């Protein structure tokens, strides 16, 4: 994993702040686990793809697999 510059971390932090603001406008609050994953992303421990995969694993372990009609 490449080391992120301060600018890269600032960009990632803004991305997360925007995402959290959107979620909070819906009246929701991310779990402590979700916030920890976001922090790892901002710190550069996770890529965007890693973050997506980590969320998928987290949500599946918490809620089971998501089944959509036609799948």
N, C-alpha and C. Protein backbone atom coordinates (compact mmCIF):
# COMPACT_ATOMS: atom_id res chain seq x y z
N UNK A 1 0.86 -1.18 0.00
CA UNK A 1 0.00 0.00 0.00
C UNK A 1 0.90 1.23 0.00
N UNK A 2 0.73 2.12 -1.00
CA UNK A 2 1.55 3.33 -1.04
C UNK A 2 1.21 4.27 0.11
N UNK A 3 2.20 5.03 0.51
CA UNK A 3 2.00 6.02 1.57
C UNK A 3 1.26 7.21 0.97
N UNK A 4 0.23 7.66 1.67
CA UNK A 4 -0.55 8.79 1.21
C UNK A 4 0.10 10.10 1.62
N UNK A 5 -0.03 11.09 0.75
CA UNK A 5 0.41 12.43 1.11
C UNK A 5 -0.64 13.06 2.02
N UNK A 6 -0.27 14.16 2.64
CA UNK A 6 -1.24 14.89 3.46
C UNK A 6 -2.44 15.31 2.62
N UNK A 7 -2.17 15.74 1.39
CA UNK A 7 -3.26 16.15 0.50
C UNK A 7 -4.20 14.98 0.22
N UNK A 8 -3.63 13.80 -0.06
CA UNK A 8 -4.46 12.61 -0.30
C UNK A 8 -5.35 12.31 0.90
N UNK A 9 -4.79 12.42 2.08
CA UNK A 9 -5.57 12.15 3.29
C UNK A 9 -6.66 13.20 3.47
N UNK A 10 -6.36 14.45 3.14
CA UNK A 10 -7.37 15.51 3.24
C UNK A 10 -8.52 15.25 2.27
N UNK A 11 -8.19 14.81 1.06
CA UNK A 11 -9.22 14.50 0.07
C UNK A 11 -10.09 13.35 0.57
N UNK A 12 -9.45 12.31 1.09
CA UNK A 12 -10.21 11.17 1.62
C UNK A 12 -11.08 11.59 2.80
N UNK A 13 -10.56 12.42 3.67
CA UNK A 13 -11.33 12.88 4.83
C UNK A 13 -12.56 13.66 4.37
N UNK A 14 -12.40 14.50 3.34
CA UNK A 14 -13.56 15.25 2.82
C UNK A 14 -14.58 14.30 2.21
N UNK A 15 -14.11 13.27 1.50
CA UNK A 15 -15.03 12.29 0.93
C UNK A 15 -15.87 11.65 2.03
N UNK A 16 -15.22 11.26 3.10
CA UNK A 16 -15.91 10.60 4.22
C UNK A 16 -16.85 11.59 4.91
N UNK A 17 -16.40 12.81 5.11
CA UNK A 17 -17.26 13.83 5.74
C UNK A 17 -18.53 14.04 4.92
N UNK A 18 -18.39 14.10 3.61
CA UNK A 18 -19.56 14.27 2.73
C UNK A 18 -20.49 13.07 2.81
N UNK A 19 -19.92 11.88 2.81
CA UNK A 19 -20.74 10.67 2.90
C UNK A 19 -21.48 10.62 4.24
N UNK A 20 -20.79 10.95 5.32
CA UNK A 20 -21.42 10.95 6.64
C UNK A 20 -22.51 12.01 6.73
N UNK A 21 -22.27 13.16 6.14
CA UNK A 21 -23.29 14.22 6.16
C UNK A 21 -24.55 13.74 5.45
N UNK A 22 -24.38 13.06 4.34
CA UNK A 22 -25.52 12.54 3.58
C UNK A 22 -26.30 11.52 4.40
N UNK A 23 -25.58 10.62 5.05
CA UNK A 23 -26.22 9.58 5.87
C UNK A 23 -26.96 10.23 7.04
N UNK A 24 -26.31 11.20 7.64
CA UNK A 24 -26.93 11.86 8.80
C UNK A 24 -28.16 12.67 8.41
N UNK A 25 -28.18 13.20 7.18
CA UNK A 25 -29.37 13.92 6.71
C UNK A 25 -30.56 12.97 6.61
N UNK A 26 -30.28 11.69 6.45
CA UNK A 26 -31.33 10.68 6.40
C UNK A 26 -31.73 10.22 7.79
N UNK A 27 -31.09 10.80 8.81
CA UNK A 27 -31.43 10.46 10.18
C UNK A 27 -30.71 9.23 10.70
N UNK A 28 -29.63 8.85 10.05
CA UNK A 28 -28.88 7.66 10.44
C UNK A 28 -27.54 8.06 11.02
N UNK A 29 -26.96 7.17 11.79
CA UNK A 29 -25.62 7.37 12.35
C UNK A 29 -24.83 6.08 12.13
N UNK A 30 -23.66 6.17 11.51
CA UNK A 30 -22.84 4.98 11.28
C UNK A 30 -22.42 4.34 12.60
N UNK A 31 -22.24 3.03 12.55
CA UNK A 31 -21.79 2.29 13.73
C UNK A 31 -20.32 2.60 14.02
N UNK A 32 -19.88 2.23 15.20
CA UNK A 32 -18.48 2.40 15.57
C UNK A 32 -17.58 1.62 14.60
N UNK A 33 -18.05 0.44 14.18
CA UNK A 33 -17.28 -0.37 13.24
C UNK A 33 -17.13 0.34 11.90
N UNK A 34 -18.20 0.95 11.43
CA UNK A 34 -18.16 1.68 10.16
C UNK A 34 -17.21 2.88 10.28
N UNK A 35 -17.29 3.59 11.38
CA UNK A 35 -16.41 4.74 11.57
C UNK A 35 -14.94 4.31 11.60
N UNK A 36 -14.67 3.14 12.20
CA UNK A 36 -13.30 2.64 12.23
C UNK A 36 -12.81 2.30 10.82
N UNK A 37 -13.68 1.72 10.00
CA UNK A 37 -13.30 1.43 8.62
C UNK A 37 -13.01 2.72 7.86
N UNK A 38 -13.84 3.73 8.06
CA UNK A 38 -13.60 5.02 7.41
C UNK A 38 -12.24 5.59 7.83
N UNK A 39 -11.93 5.47 9.10
CA UNK A 39 -10.66 5.98 9.61
C UNK A 39 -9.48 5.27 8.95
N UNK A 40 -9.59 3.96 8.80
CA UNK A 40 -8.52 3.19 8.13
C UNK A 40 -8.36 3.64 6.68
N UNK A 41 -9.46 3.97 6.03
CA UNK A 41 -9.41 4.46 4.65
C UNK A 41 -8.70 5.82 4.60
N UNK A 42 -9.09 6.73 5.47
CA UNK A 42 -8.47 8.06 5.49
C UNK A 42 -6.98 7.96 5.80
N UNK A 43 -6.61 7.06 6.71
CA UNK A 43 -5.21 6.89 7.09
C UNK A 43 -4.38 6.23 6.00
N UNK A 44 -5.04 5.63 5.01
CA UNK A 44 -4.31 4.98 3.93
C UNK A 44 -4.10 3.49 4.13
N UNK A 45 -4.71 2.94 5.18
CA UNK A 45 -4.58 1.50 5.43
C UNK A 45 -5.44 0.69 4.47
N UNK A 46 -6.45 1.33 3.88
CA UNK A 46 -7.37 0.66 2.95
C UNK A 46 -7.50 1.48 1.67
N UNK A 47 -7.58 0.79 0.54
CA UNK A 47 -7.94 1.46 -0.71
C UNK A 47 -9.46 1.56 -0.74
N UNK A 48 -9.98 2.27 -1.74
CA UNK A 48 -11.44 2.36 -1.89
C UNK A 48 -12.03 0.96 -2.10
N UNK A 49 -11.33 0.14 -2.88
CA UNK A 49 -11.79 -1.23 -3.12
C UNK A 49 -11.77 -2.05 -1.84
N UNK A 50 -10.70 -1.89 -1.05
CA UNK A 50 -10.60 -2.58 0.24
C UNK A 50 -11.75 -2.15 1.16
N UNK A 51 -12.06 -0.86 1.14
CA UNK A 51 -13.14 -0.34 1.98
C UNK A 51 -14.48 -0.97 1.58
N UNK A 52 -14.74 -1.03 0.28
CA UNK A 52 -15.97 -1.66 -0.20
C UNK A 52 -16.06 -3.11 0.25
N UNK A 53 -14.96 -3.84 0.09
CA UNK A 53 -14.94 -5.25 0.49
C UNK A 53 -15.13 -5.41 2.00
N UNK A 54 -14.47 -4.54 2.76
CA UNK A 54 -14.59 -4.61 4.22
C UNK A 54 -16.03 -4.34 4.66
N UNK A 55 -16.69 -3.37 4.01
CA UNK A 55 -18.08 -3.10 4.34
C UNK A 55 -18.98 -4.27 3.96
N UNK A 56 -18.74 -4.86 2.82
CA UNK A 56 -19.54 -6.01 2.40
C UNK A 56 -19.41 -7.15 3.42
N UNK A 57 -18.18 -7.43 3.85
CA UNK A 57 -17.97 -8.49 4.86
C UNK A 57 -18.64 -8.12 6.18
N UNK A 58 -18.48 -6.86 6.59
CA UNK A 58 -19.08 -6.41 7.85
C UNK A 58 -20.60 -6.53 7.82
N UNK A 59 -21.21 -6.05 6.75
CA UNK A 59 -22.67 -6.08 6.66
C UNK A 59 -23.18 -7.51 6.54
N UNK A 60 -22.46 -8.36 5.81
CA UNK A 60 -22.90 -9.75 5.69
C UNK A 60 -22.79 -10.47 7.02
N UNK A 61 -21.72 -10.19 7.78
CA UNK A 61 -21.59 -10.85 9.08
C UNK A 61 -22.64 -10.37 10.06
N UNK A 62 -23.05 -9.11 9.91
CA UNK A 62 -24.03 -8.54 10.83
C UNK A 62 -25.47 -8.86 10.43
N UNK A 63 -25.75 -8.85 9.13
CA UNK A 63 -27.13 -8.99 8.65
C UNK A 63 -27.36 -10.20 7.74
N UNK A 64 -26.31 -10.93 7.42
CA UNK A 64 -26.46 -12.06 6.50
C UNK A 64 -26.40 -11.56 5.07
N UNK A 65 -26.39 -12.48 4.13
CA UNK A 65 -26.29 -12.08 2.72
C UNK A 65 -27.56 -11.34 2.28
N UNK A 66 -27.35 -10.38 1.41
CA UNK A 66 -28.47 -9.62 0.86
C UNK A 66 -28.97 -10.34 -0.38
N UNK A 67 -30.24 -10.64 -0.42
CA UNK A 67 -30.83 -11.30 -1.57
C UNK A 67 -31.79 -10.34 -2.25
N UNK A 68 -31.55 -10.11 -3.51
CA UNK A 68 -32.41 -9.23 -4.29
C UNK A 68 -33.20 -10.06 -5.28
N UNK A 69 -34.42 -9.62 -5.62
CA UNK A 69 -35.19 -10.36 -6.61
C UNK A 69 -34.39 -10.49 -7.90
N UNK A 70 -34.40 -11.66 -8.45
CA UNK A 70 -33.68 -11.91 -9.69
C UNK A 70 -32.26 -12.37 -9.49
N UNK A 71 -31.77 -12.39 -8.24
CA UNK A 71 -30.41 -12.87 -7.98
C UNK A 71 -30.43 -14.32 -7.55
